[in-house]
Amino acid sequence: MDIPRNWRLRDQRYRLQGTKCTSCGERHFPPRQVCPRCKGRALEPYVFKGRGTVYSYTVVYQAPEGYEDYVPYVVALVDLEEGVRVTAQLTDISPDEVSIGMPVEMVVRKLYEEGDQGIILYGYKFRPLLTP
C-alpha cells in the first residue's frame, strides 16, 4: 500500500469512521458517497462505538502472503451496536474460544508490514469485550 492511500484510510482504520446519511439516518461502513437506502448524497462522518457481537466466524489455516505468521487466526462478521456488519480479524483469543453471539470491542493492532524497509500498517481488529 502506498503512503497517500494509507493516510486517506487512517480515520476508517484507526477510529472505525464511516458515514451517516442526513436524510434517512442510515449508517454505513466503510464510508459511502451515496446512501444505498435513499440514494441521498448528504452524508456526514460517523464514528462507530466499536462494540458488537460475533455474527459468524471462520478460522484461517492457509493465510495469504504476508499473514503466515498469524496462522491460525479468526476472521469474523461482527454486528456493531449501531446496526452495521463489518468483517474483521479477532485478536487476543484462541480459535477454540470464539462463539457466535460473543460480545466484542474494537482495538487497533498491527495488520502487516511491507518488507524490512516498508511501512507498518495498523488497523481495527476486535477482541472479547473486557468490560460490559
C-alpha atoms as a PDB file:
ATOM      1  CA  MET A   1       0.000   0.000   0.000  1.00  0.00           C
ATOM      2  CA  ASP A   2       1.290   3.440  -0.810  1.00  0.00           C
ATOM      3  CA  ILE A   3       1.653   6.120   1.843  1.00  0.00           C
ATOM      4  CA  PRO A   4      -1.013   8.541   0.470  1.00  0.00           C
ATOM      5  CA  ARG A   5      -3.664   5.797   0.476  1.00  0.00           C
ATOM      6  CA  ASN A   6      -2.676   4.821   3.999  1.00  0.00           C
ATOM      7  CA  TRP A   7      -3.254   8.419   5.140  1.00  0.00           C
ATOM      8  CA  ARG A   8      -6.629   8.611   3.361  1.00  0.00           C
ATOM      9  CA  LEU A   9      -7.845   5.491   5.187  1.00  0.00           C
ATOM     10  CA  ARG A  10      -6.497   6.360   8.645  1.00  0.00           C
ATOM     11  CA  ASP A  11      -9.828   7.520  10.165  1.00  0.00           C
ATOM     12  CA  GLN A  12     -11.589   4.437   8.855  1.00  0.00           C
ATOM     13  CA  ARG A  13      -8.862   2.109  10.146  1.00  0.00           C
ATOM     14  CA  TYR A  14      -7.995   3.735  13.457  1.00  0.00           C
ATOM     15  CA  ARG A  15     -11.317   5.234  14.546  1.00  0.00           C
ATOM     16  CA  LEU A  16     -13.832   2.959  12.771  1.00  0.00           C
ATOM     17  CA  GLN A  17     -15.221   6.013  10.989  1.00  0.00           C
ATOM     18  CA  GLY A  18     -17.969   5.547   8.440  1.00  0.00           C
ATOM     19  CA  THR A  19     -20.779   7.787   7.252  1.00  0.00           C
ATOM     20  CA  LYS A  20     -24.314   8.630   8.291  1.00  0.00           C
ATOM     21  CA  CYS A  21     -26.976   9.790   5.854  1.00  0.00           C
ATOM     22  CA  THR A  22     -28.506  13.089   6.992  1.00  0.00           C
ATOM     23  CA  SER A  23     -31.705  12.304   5.050  1.00  0.00           C
ATOM     24  CA  CYS A  24     -32.663   8.848   6.346  1.00  0.00           C
ATOM     25  CA  GLY A  25     -30.214   8.256   9.225  1.00  0.00           C
ATOM     26  CA  GLU A  26     -28.709   5.072   7.739  1.00  0.00           C
ATOM     27  CA  ARG A  27     -25.147   4.371   8.904  1.00  0.00           C
ATOM     28  CA  HIS A  28     -22.501   2.870   6.602  1.00  0.00           C
ATOM     29  CA  PHE A  29     -19.132   1.225   6.928  1.00  0.00           C
ATOM     30  CA  PRO A  30     -16.948   1.606   5.004  1.00  0.00           C
ATOM     31  CA  PRO A  31     -17.833   5.237   4.221  1.00  0.00           C
ATOM     32  CA  ARG A  32     -20.085   5.851   1.208  1.00  0.00           C
ATOM     33  CA  GLN A  33     -20.535   8.696  -1.249  1.00  0.00           C
ATOM     34  CA  VAL A  34     -24.215   7.852  -1.852  1.00  0.00           C
ATOM     35  CA  CYS A  35     -26.674   6.309   0.616  1.00  0.00           C
ATOM     36  CA  PRO A  36     -27.766   2.861  -0.674  1.00  0.00           C
ATOM     37  CA  ARG A  37     -31.112   3.165   1.126  1.00  0.00           C
ATOM     38  CA  CYS A  38     -32.432   6.570  -0.039  1.00  0.00           C
ATOM     39  CA  LYS A  39     -29.854   7.473  -2.725  1.00  0.00           C
ATOM     40  CA  GLY A  40     -29.127  10.701  -0.838  1.00  0.00           C
ATOM     41  CA  ARG A  41     -25.769  12.413  -1.201  1.00  0.00           C
ATOM     42  CA  ALA A  42     -25.825  14.320   2.082  1.00  0.00           C
ATOM     43  CA  LEU A  43     -23.596  12.122   4.217  1.00  0.00           C
ATOM     44  CA  GLU A  44     -21.571  13.131   7.242  1.00  0.00           C
ATOM     45  CA  PRO A  45     -18.708  11.360   9.036  1.00  0.00           C
ATOM     46  CA  TYR A  46     -19.837   8.974  11.771  1.00  0.00           C
ATOM     47  CA  VAL A  47     -17.565   7.269  14.316  1.00  0.00           C
ATOM     48  CA  PHE A  48     -18.864   3.903  15.477  1.00  0.00           C
ATOM     49  CA  LYS A  49     -18.557   2.984  19.159  1.00  0.00           C
ATOM     50  CA  GLY A  50     -16.699  -0.197  18.243  1.00  0.00           C
ATOM     51  CA  ARG A  51     -18.782  -2.633  20.265  1.00  0.00           C
ATOM     52  CA  GLY A  52     -20.778  -5.506  18.882  1.00  0.00           C
ATOM     53  CA  THR A  53     -21.320  -9.245  18.754  1.00  0.00           C
ATOM     54  CA  VAL A  54     -19.917 -12.042  16.610  1.00  0.00           C
ATOM     55  CA  TYR A  55     -22.474 -12.946  13.929  1.00  0.00           C
ATOM     56  CA  SER A  56     -20.355 -15.664  12.305  1.00  0.00           C
ATOM     57  CA  TYR A  57     -16.686 -16.595  12.029  1.00  0.00           C
ATOM     58  CA  THR A  58     -14.139 -18.838  10.378  1.00  0.00           C
ATOM     59  CA  VAL A  59     -10.650 -19.984  11.299  1.00  0.00           C
ATOM     60  CA  VAL A  60      -7.950 -19.346   8.693  1.00  0.00           C
ATOM     61  CA  TYR A  61      -5.273 -22.031   8.423  1.00  0.00           C
ATOM     62  CA  GLN A  62      -3.940 -21.196   4.929  1.00  0.00           C
ATOM     63  CA  ALA A  63      -3.062 -17.499   5.088  1.00  0.00           C
ATOM     64  CA  PRO A  64      -2.384 -15.195   2.172  1.00  0.00           C
ATOM     65  CA  GLU A  65       1.115 -13.843   1.634  1.00  0.00           C
ATOM     66  CA  GLY A  66       2.209 -11.613   4.497  1.00  0.00           C
ATOM     67  CA  TYR A  67      -0.055 -13.221   7.107  1.00  0.00           C
ATOM     68  CA  GLU A  68       1.668 -16.588   7.505  1.00  0.00           C
ATOM     69  CA  ASP A  69       2.972 -15.713  10.986  1.00  0.00           C
ATOM     70  CA  TYR A  70      -0.566 -15.289  12.345  1.00  0.00           C
ATOM     71  CA  VAL A  71      -1.944 -18.740  11.412  1.00  0.00           C
ATOM     72  CA  PRO A  72      -4.322 -19.933  12.725  1.00  0.00           C
ATOM     73  CA  TYR A  73      -6.413 -16.786  13.130  1.00  0.00           C
ATOM     74  CA  VAL A  74     -10.096 -15.973  13.280  1.00  0.00           C
ATOM     75  CA  VAL A  75     -11.963 -13.736  10.830  1.00  0.00           C
ATOM     76  CA  ALA A  76     -15.449 -12.771  11.951  1.00  0.00           C
ATOM     77  CA  LEU A  77     -18.547 -10.935  10.844  1.00  0.00           C
ATOM     78  CA  VAL A  78     -19.281  -8.517  13.676  1.00  0.00           C
ATOM     79  CA  ASP A  79     -22.665  -6.855  14.141  1.00  0.00           C
ATOM     80  CA  LEU A  80     -21.966  -3.424  15.610  1.00  0.00           C
ATOM     81  CA  GLU A  81     -24.386  -1.885  18.128  1.00  0.00           C
ATOM     82  CA  GLU A  82     -25.346   0.722  15.527  1.00  0.00           C
ATOM     83  CA  GLY A  83     -26.643  -1.934  13.118  1.00  0.00           C
ATOM     84  CA  VAL A  84     -23.730  -2.267  10.683  1.00  0.00           C
ATOM     85  CA  ARG A  85     -21.978  -5.577   9.983  1.00  0.00           C
ATOM     86  CA  VAL A  86     -18.195  -5.485   9.480  1.00  0.00           C
ATOM     87  CA  THR A  87     -15.608  -8.112   8.665  1.00  0.00           C
ATOM     88  CA  ALA A  88     -12.573  -8.154  10.938  1.00  0.00           C
ATOM     89  CA  GLN A  89      -9.925 -10.340  12.465  1.00  0.00           C
ATOM     90  CA  LEU A  90     -10.427 -11.347  16.103  1.00  0.00           C
ATOM     91  CA  THR A  91      -7.431 -10.930  18.371  1.00  0.00           C
ATOM     92  CA  ASP A  92      -6.463 -11.764  21.957  1.00  0.00           C
ATOM     93  CA  ILE A  93      -8.369 -15.051  21.774  1.00  0.00           C
ATOM     94  CA  SER A  94      -7.657 -18.583  20.582  1.00  0.00           C
ATOM     95  CA  PRO A  95      -9.848 -20.012  17.820  1.00  0.00           C
ATOM     96  CA  ASP A  96     -11.451 -22.608  20.100  1.00  0.00           C
ATOM     97  CA  GLU A  97     -12.713 -19.895  22.493  1.00  0.00           C
ATOM     98  CA  VAL A  98     -14.732 -17.974  19.879  1.00  0.00           C
ATOM     99  CA  SER A  99     -18.512 -18.344  19.828  1.00  0.00           C
ATOM    100  CA  ILE A 100     -21.392 -16.846  17.883  1.00  0.00           C
ATOM    101  CA  GLY A 101     -23.057 -14.088  19.889  1.00  0.00           C
ATOM    102  CA  MET A 102     -19.888 -13.308  21.857  1.00  0.00           C
ATOM    103  CA  PRO A 103     -19.587  -9.593  22.745  1.00  0.00           C
ATOM    104  CA  VAL A 104     -16.506  -7.925  21.251  1.00  0.00           C
ATOM    105  CA  GLU A 105     -14.891  -4.490  21.112  1.00  0.00           C
ATOM    106  CA  MET A 106     -12.675  -2.785  18.563  1.00  0.00           C
ATOM    107  CA  VAL A 107      -8.946  -2.360  19.161  1.00  0.00           C
ATOM    108  CA  VAL A 108      -6.151  -1.059  16.952  1.00  0.00           C
ATOM    109  CA  ARG A 109      -3.486  -3.625  16.164  1.00  0.00           C
ATOM    110  CA  LYS A 110      -0.738  -4.234  13.621  1.00  0.00           C
ATOM    111  CA  LEU A 111      -2.130  -5.605  10.362  1.00  0.00           C
ATOM    112  CA  TYR A 112       1.100  -6.221   8.485  1.00  0.00           C
ATOM    113  CA  GLU A 113       4.333  -4.634   7.350  1.00  0.00           C
ATOM    114  CA  GLU A 114       5.649  -4.255   3.841  1.00  0.00           C
ATOM    115  CA  GLY A 115       9.116  -5.821   3.965  1.00  0.00           C
ATOM    116  CA  ASP A 116      12.025  -4.823   6.152  1.00  0.00           C
ATOM    117  CA  GLN A 117      12.020  -1.192   4.998  1.00  0.00           C
ATOM    118  CA  GLY A 118       8.301  -0.796   4.223  1.00  0.00           C
ATOM    119  CA  ILE A 119       5.622   0.904   6.279  1.00  0.00           C
ATOM    120  CA  ILE A 120       3.903  -0.895   9.138  1.00  0.00           C
ATOM    121  CA  LEU A 121       0.128  -0.791   8.751  1.00  0.00           C
ATOM    122  CA  TYR A 122      -2.199  -0.710  11.732  1.00  0.00           C
ATOM    123  CA  GLY A 123      -5.946  -1.064  11.701  1.00  0.00           C
ATOM    124  CA  TYR A 124      -9.005  -2.258  13.555  1.00  0.00           C
ATOM    125  CA  LYS A 125      -9.465  -5.751  14.913  1.00  0.00           C
ATOM    126  CA  PHE A 126     -11.889  -6.984  17.547  1.00  0.00           C
ATOM    127  CA  ARG A 127     -11.231  -8.698  20.875  1.00  0.00           C
ATOM    128  CA  PRO A 128     -13.543 -10.173  23.501  1.00  0.00           C
ATOM    129  CA  LEU A 129     -15.284  -7.442  25.454  1.00  0.00           C
ATOM    130  CA  LEU A 130     -13.327  -6.825  28.656  1.00  0.00           C
ATOM    131  CA  THR A 131     -15.919  -4.744  30.499  1.00  0.00           C
ATOM    132  CA  PRO A 132     -19.664  -4.982  29.844  1.00  0.00           C
END
